[in-house]
Amino acid sequence: MNPIADMPSSTDVIYPLHPLKVKDSKRPNIIFIFIDSWNKRTLTPETMPNVYRVATES
């Protein structure tokens, strides 16, 4: 057994470290998308289909 081979590489994301504890909440689900230096004219169904769908359905 090679312990070094079992270690994650620096690009691996290990999340969550522990099981998440979730409480039932009546708060609305809110998504914040922060993009630096973004031109809103690029929000089209062709260039950003998933974000466009969320923007038009919300």
PDB file of N, CA and C in Angstrom:
ATOM      1  N   MET A   1       0.843  -1.189   0.000  1.00  0.00           N
ATOM      2  CA  MET A   1       0.000   0.000   0.000  1.00  0.00           C
ATOM      3  C   MET A   1       0.879   1.240   0.000  1.00  0.00           C
ATOM      4  N   ASN A   2       0.562   2.173  -0.854  1.00  0.00           N
ATOM      5  CA  ASN A   2       1.336   3.393  -0.982  1.00  0.00           C
ATOM      6  C   ASN A   2       0.513   4.552  -0.407  1.00  0.00           C
ATOM      7  N   PRO A   3       0.863   5.075   0.782  1.00  0.00           N
ATOM      8  CA  PRO A   3       0.069   6.142   1.389  1.00  0.00           C
ATOM      9  C   PRO A   3       0.078   7.428   0.576  1.00  0.00           C
ATOM     10  N   ILE A   4       1.125   7.678  -0.176  1.00  0.00           N
ATOM     11  CA  ILE A   4       1.190   8.906  -0.980  1.00  0.00           C
ATOM     12  C   ILE A   4       0.196   8.830  -2.131  1.00  0.00           C
ATOM     13  N   ALA A   5      -0.009   7.660  -2.699  1.00  0.00           N
ATOM     14  CA  ALA A   5      -0.955   7.508  -3.806  1.00  0.00           C
ATOM     15  C   ALA A   5      -2.387   7.753  -3.345  1.00  0.00           C
ATOM     16  N   ASP A   6      -2.690   7.525  -2.066  1.00  0.00           N
ATOM     17  CA  ASP A   6      -4.037   7.721  -1.554  1.00  0.00           C
ATOM     18  C   ASP A   6      -4.313   9.159  -1.140  1.00  0.00           C
ATOM     19  N   MET A   7      -3.301  10.006  -1.129  1.00  0.00           N
ATOM     20  CA  MET A   7      -3.487  11.406  -0.726  1.00  0.00           C
ATOM     21  C   MET A   7      -4.093  12.192  -1.889  1.00  0.00           C
ATOM     22  N   PRO A   8      -5.023  13.106  -1.594  1.00  0.00           N
ATOM     23  CA  PRO A   8      -5.595  13.915  -2.673  1.00  0.00           C
ATOM     24  C   PRO A   8      -4.558  14.876  -3.241  1.00  0.00           C
ATOM     25  N   SER A   9      -4.719  15.197  -4.520  1.00  0.00           N
ATOM     26  CA  SER A   9      -3.806  16.168  -5.112  1.00  0.00           C
ATOM     27  C   SER A   9      -4.234  17.568  -4.694  1.00  0.00           C
ATOM     28  N   SER A  10      -3.427  18.549  -5.008  1.00  0.00           N
ATOM     29  CA  SER A  10      -3.732  19.924  -4.597  1.00  0.00           C
ATOM     30  C   SER A  10      -4.944  20.484  -5.329  1.00  0.00           C
ATOM     31  N   THR A  11      -5.386  19.840  -6.413  1.00  0.00           N
ATOM     32  CA  THR A  11      -6.551  20.325  -7.149  1.00  0.00           C
ATOM     33  C   THR A  11      -7.848  19.653  -6.715  1.00  0.00           C
ATOM     34  N   ASP A  12      -7.774  18.641  -5.859  1.00  0.00           N
ATOM     35  CA  ASP A  12      -8.980  17.969  -5.393  1.00  0.00           C
ATOM     36  C   ASP A  12      -9.710  18.836  -4.381  1.00  0.00           C
ATOM     37  N   VAL A  13     -11.022  18.833  -4.478  1.00  0.00           N
ATOM     38  CA  VAL A  13     -11.847  19.542  -3.515  1.00  0.00           C
ATOM     39  C   VAL A  13     -12.493  18.495  -2.622  1.00  0.00           C
ATOM     40  N   ILE A  14     -12.240  18.598  -1.350  1.00  0.00           N
ATOM     41  CA  ILE A  14     -12.800  17.655  -0.393  1.00  0.00           C
ATOM     42  C   ILE A  14     -13.780  18.444   0.473  1.00  0.00           C
ATOM     43  N   TYR A  15     -15.040  18.394   0.084  1.00  0.00           N
ATOM     44  CA  TYR A  15     -16.066  19.158   0.787  1.00  0.00           C
ATOM     45  C   TYR A  15     -17.337  18.346   0.805  1.00  0.00           C
ATOM     46  N   PRO A  16     -18.049  18.322   1.851  1.00  0.00           N
ATOM     47  CA  PRO A  16     -17.744  18.881   3.157  1.00  0.00           C
ATOM     48  C   PRO A  16     -16.818  17.968   3.938  1.00  0.00           C
ATOM     49  N   LEU A  17     -16.120  18.533   4.889  1.00  0.00           N
ATOM     50  CA  LEU A  17     -15.232  17.739   5.721  1.00  0.00           C
ATOM     51  C   LEU A  17     -16.013  16.883   6.707  1.00  0.00           C
ATOM     52  N   HIS A  18     -17.191  17.367   7.095  1.00  0.00           N
ATOM     53  CA  HIS A  18     -18.066  16.658   8.030  1.00  0.00           C
ATOM     54  C   HIS A  18     -19.474  16.663   7.445  1.00  0.00           C
ATOM     55  N   PRO A  19     -20.322  15.744   7.848  1.00  0.00           N
ATOM     56  CA  PRO A  19     -21.695  15.755   7.331  1.00  0.00           C
ATOM     57  C   PRO A  19     -22.387  17.090   7.623  1.00  0.00           C
ATOM     58  N   LEU A  20     -23.161  17.565   6.652  1.00  0.00           N
ATOM     59  CA  LEU A  20     -23.871  18.822   6.824  1.00  0.00           C
ATOM     60  C   LEU A  20     -25.085  18.610   7.711  1.00  0.00           C
ATOM     61  N   LYS A  21     -25.347  19.573   8.578  1.00  0.00           N
ATOM     62  CA  LYS A  21     -26.530  19.553   9.424  1.00  0.00           C
ATOM     63  C   LYS A  21     -27.490  20.594   8.866  1.00  0.00           C
ATOM     64  N   VAL A  22     -28.664  20.140   8.465  1.00  0.00           N
ATOM     65  CA  VAL A  22     -29.627  21.015   7.823  1.00  0.00           C
ATOM     66  C   VAL A  22     -30.889  21.068   8.658  1.00  0.00           C
ATOM     67  N   LYS A  23     -31.376  22.282   8.880  1.00  0.00           N
ATOM     68  CA  LYS A  23     -32.632  22.491   9.591  1.00  0.00           C
ATOM     69  C   LYS A  23     -33.700  22.872   8.574  1.00  0.00           C
ATOM     70  N   ASP A  24     -34.921  22.441   8.821  1.00  0.00           N
ATOM     71  CA  ASP A  24     -36.022  22.886   7.978  1.00  0.00           C
ATOM     72  C   ASP A  24     -36.205  24.383   8.181  1.00  0.00           C
ATOM     73  N   SER A  25     -36.361  25.093   7.096  1.00  0.00           N
ATOM     74  CA  SER A  25     -36.488  26.540   7.184  1.00  0.00           C
ATOM     75  C   SER A  25     -37.585  27.007   6.247  1.00  0.00           C
ATOM     76  N   LYS A  26     -38.280  28.049   6.643  1.00  0.00           N
ATOM     77  CA  LYS A  26     -39.304  28.629   5.789  1.00  0.00           C
ATOM     78  C   LYS A  26     -38.762  29.841   5.042  1.00  0.00           C
ATOM     79  N   ARG A  27     -37.480  30.044   5.122  1.00  0.00           N
ATOM     80  CA  ARG A  27     -36.857  31.152   4.396  1.00  0.00           C
ATOM     81  C   ARG A  27     -36.816  30.807   2.900  1.00  0.00           C
ATOM     82  N   PRO A  28     -36.890  31.812   2.046  1.00  0.00           N
ATOM     83  CA  PRO A  28     -36.816  31.531   0.601  1.00  0.00           C
ATOM     84  C   PRO A  28     -35.401  31.131   0.187  1.00  0.00           C
ATOM     85  N   ASN A  29     -35.321  30.350  -0.864  1.00  0.00           N
ATOM     86  CA  ASN A  29     -34.022  30.005  -1.441  1.00  0.00           C
ATOM     87  C   ASN A  29     -33.570  31.174  -2.300  1.00  0.00           C
ATOM     88  N   ILE A  30     -32.402  31.701  -2.017  1.00  0.00           N
ATOM     89  CA  ILE A  30     -31.878  32.852  -2.745  1.00  0.00           C
ATOM     90  C   ILE A  30     -30.506  32.497  -3.286  1.00  0.00           C
ATOM     91  N   ILE A  31     -30.287  32.814  -4.546  1.00  0.00           N
ATOM     92  CA  ILE A  31     -28.987  32.577  -5.175  1.00  0.00           C
ATOM     93  C   ILE A  31     -28.375  33.933  -5.496  1.00  0.00           C
ATOM     94  N   PHE A  32     -27.160  34.152  -5.050  1.00  0.00           N
ATOM     95  CA  PHE A  32     -26.407  35.350  -5.395  1.00  0.00           C
ATOM     96  C   PHE A  32     -25.312  34.942  -6.370  1.00  0.00           C
ATOM     97  N   ILE A  33     -25.231  35.625  -7.476  1.00  0.00           N
ATOM     98  CA  ILE A  33     -24.177  35.367  -8.458  1.00  0.00           C
ATOM     99  C   ILE A  33     -23.352  36.640  -8.558  1.00  0.00           C
ATOM    100  N   PHE A  34     -22.099  36.543  -8.173  1.00  0.00           N
ATOM    101  CA  PHE A  34     -21.192  37.691  -8.226  1.00  0.00           C
ATOM    102  C   PHE A  34     -20.170  37.445  -9.330  1.00  0.00           C
ATOM    103  N   ILE A  35     -20.155  38.330 -10.297  1.00  0.00           N
ATOM    104  CA  ILE A  35     -19.221  38.205 -11.408  1.00  0.00           C
ATOM    105  C   ILE A  35     -18.538  39.555 -11.583  1.00  0.00           C
ATOM    106  N   ASP A  36     -17.234  39.557 -11.548  1.00  0.00           N
ATOM    107  CA  ASP A  36     -16.467  40.781 -11.705  1.00  0.00           C
ATOM    108  C   ASP A  36     -16.261  41.065 -13.196  1.00  0.00           C
ATOM    109  N   SER A  37     -16.479  42.284 -13.600  1.00  0.00           N
ATOM    110  CA  SER A  37     -16.249  42.733 -14.980  1.00  0.00           C
ATOM    111  C   SER A  37     -17.094  41.953 -15.979  1.00  0.00           C
ATOM    112  N   TRP A  38     -18.376  41.848 -15.705  1.00  0.00           N
ATOM    113  CA  TRP A  38     -19.283  41.122 -16.580  1.00  0.00           C
ATOM    114  C   TRP A  38     -20.222  42.096 -17.257  1.00  0.00           C
ATOM    115  N   ASN A  39     -20.420  41.941 -18.537  1.00  0.00           N
ATOM    116  CA  ASN A  39     -21.332  42.788 -19.292  1.00  0.00           C
ATOM    117  C   ASN A  39     -22.673  42.061 -19.378  1.00  0.00           C
ATOM    118  N   LYS A  40     -23.732  42.678 -18.888  1.00  0.00           N
ATOM    119  CA  LYS A  40     -25.032  41.999 -18.835  1.00  0.00           C
ATOM    120  C   LYS A  40     -25.586  41.679 -20.225  1.00  0.00           C
ATOM    121  N   ARG A  41     -25.052  42.272 -21.265  1.00  0.00           N
ATOM    122  CA  ARG A  41     -25.502  41.942 -22.618  1.00  0.00           C
ATOM    123  C   ARG A  41     -25.102  40.521 -23.018  1.00  0.00           C
ATOM    124  N   THR A  42     -24.177  39.924 -22.273  1.00  0.00           N
ATOM    125  CA  THR A  42     -23.776  38.551 -22.587  1.00  0.00           C
ATOM    126  C   THR A  42     -24.703  37.513 -21.960  1.00  0.00           C
ATOM    127  N   LEU A  43     -25.707  37.965 -21.207  1.00  0.00           N
ATOM    128  CA  LEU A  43     -26.663  37.047 -20.609  1.00  0.00           C
ATOM    129  C   LEU A  43     -27.703  36.686 -21.667  1.00  0.00           C
ATOM    130  N   THR A  44     -27.360  35.733 -22.489  1.00  0.00           N
ATOM    131  CA  THR A  44     -28.247  35.277 -23.561  1.00  0.00           C
ATOM    132  C   THR A  44     -28.428  33.773 -23.437  1.00  0.00           C
ATOM    133  N   PRO A  45     -29.475  33.222 -24.028  1.00  0.00           N
ATOM    134  CA  PRO A  45     -29.673  31.777 -23.972  1.00  0.00           C
ATOM    135  C   PRO A  45     -28.540  30.998 -24.646  1.00  0.00           C
ATOM    136  N   GLU A  46     -27.868  31.626 -25.589  1.00  0.00           N
ATOM    137  CA  GLU A  46     -26.779  30.934 -26.294  1.00  0.00           C
ATOM    138  C   GLU A  46     -25.490  30.891 -25.468  1.00  0.00           C
ATOM    139  N   THR A  47     -25.170  31.989 -24.794  1.00  0.00           N
ATOM    140  CA  THR A  47     -23.896  32.057 -24.077  1.00  0.00           C
ATOM    141  C   THR A  47     -23.975  31.543 -22.643  1.00  0.00           C
ATOM    142  N   MET A  48     -25.113  31.750 -21.991  1.00  0.00           N
ATOM    143  CA  MET A  48     -25.261  31.340 -20.588  1.00  0.00           C
ATOM    144  C   MET A  48     -26.654  30.743 -20.380  1.00  0.00           C
ATOM    145  N   PRO A  49     -26.925  29.560 -20.947  1.00  0.00           N
ATOM    146  CA  PRO A  49     -28.296  29.043 -20.926  1.00  0.00           C
ATOM    147  C   PRO A  49     -28.863  28.797 -19.530  1.00  0.00           C
ATOM    148  N   ASN A  50     -28.078  28.284 -18.607  1.00  0.00           N
ATOM    149  CA  ASN A  50     -28.598  27.990 -17.272  1.00  0.00           C
ATOM    150  C   ASN A  50     -28.856  29.256 -16.467  1.00  0.00           C
ATOM    151  N   VAL A  51     -27.939  30.199 -16.521  1.00  0.00           N
ATOM    152  CA  VAL A  51     -28.130  31.461 -15.807  1.00  0.00           C
ATOM    153  C   VAL A  51     -29.284  32.244 -16.440  1.00  0.00           C
ATOM    154  N   TYR A  52     -29.391  32.206 -17.757  1.00  0.00           N
ATOM    155  CA  TYR A  52     -30.485  32.878 -18.447  1.00  0.00           C
ATOM    156  C   TYR A  52     -31.831  32.298 -18.012  1.00  0.00           C
ATOM    157  N   ARG A  53     -31.908  30.981 -17.902  1.00  0.00           N
ATOM    158  CA  ARG A  53     -33.157  30.322 -17.481  1.00  0.00           C
ATOM    159  C   ARG A  53     -33.535  30.753 -16.066  1.00  0.00           C
ATOM    160  N   VAL A  54     -32.574  30.773 -15.156  1.00  0.00           N
ATOM    161  CA  VAL A  54     -32.851  31.205 -13.785  1.00  0.00           C
ATOM    162  C   VAL A  54     -33.299  32.666 -13.775  1.00  0.00           C
ATOM    163  N   ALA A  55     -32.642  33.500 -14.568  1.00  0.00           N
ATOM    164  CA  ALA A  55     -32.976  34.925 -14.595  1.00  0.00           C
ATOM    165  C   ALA A  55     -34.377  35.168 -15.146  1.00  0.00           C
ATOM    166  N   THR A  56     -34.799  34.392 -16.120  1.00  0.00           N
ATOM    167  CA  THR A  56     -36.109  34.612 -16.721  1.00  0.00           C
ATOM    168  C   THR A  56     -37.229  33.935 -15.940  1.00  0.00           C
ATOM    169  N   GLU A  57     -36.917  32.918 -15.174  1.00  0.00           N
ATOM    170  CA  GLU A  57     -37.952  32.215 -14.404  1.00  0.00           C
ATOM    171  C   GLU A  57     -38.126  32.753 -12.992  1.00  0.00           C
ATOM    172  N   SER A  58     -37.205  33.550 -12.522  1.00  0.00           N
ATOM    173  CA  SER A  58     -37.277  34.036 -11.136  1.00  0.00           C
ATOM    174  C   SER A  58     -37.974  35.365 -11.054  1.00  0.00           C
TER     175      SER A  58
END
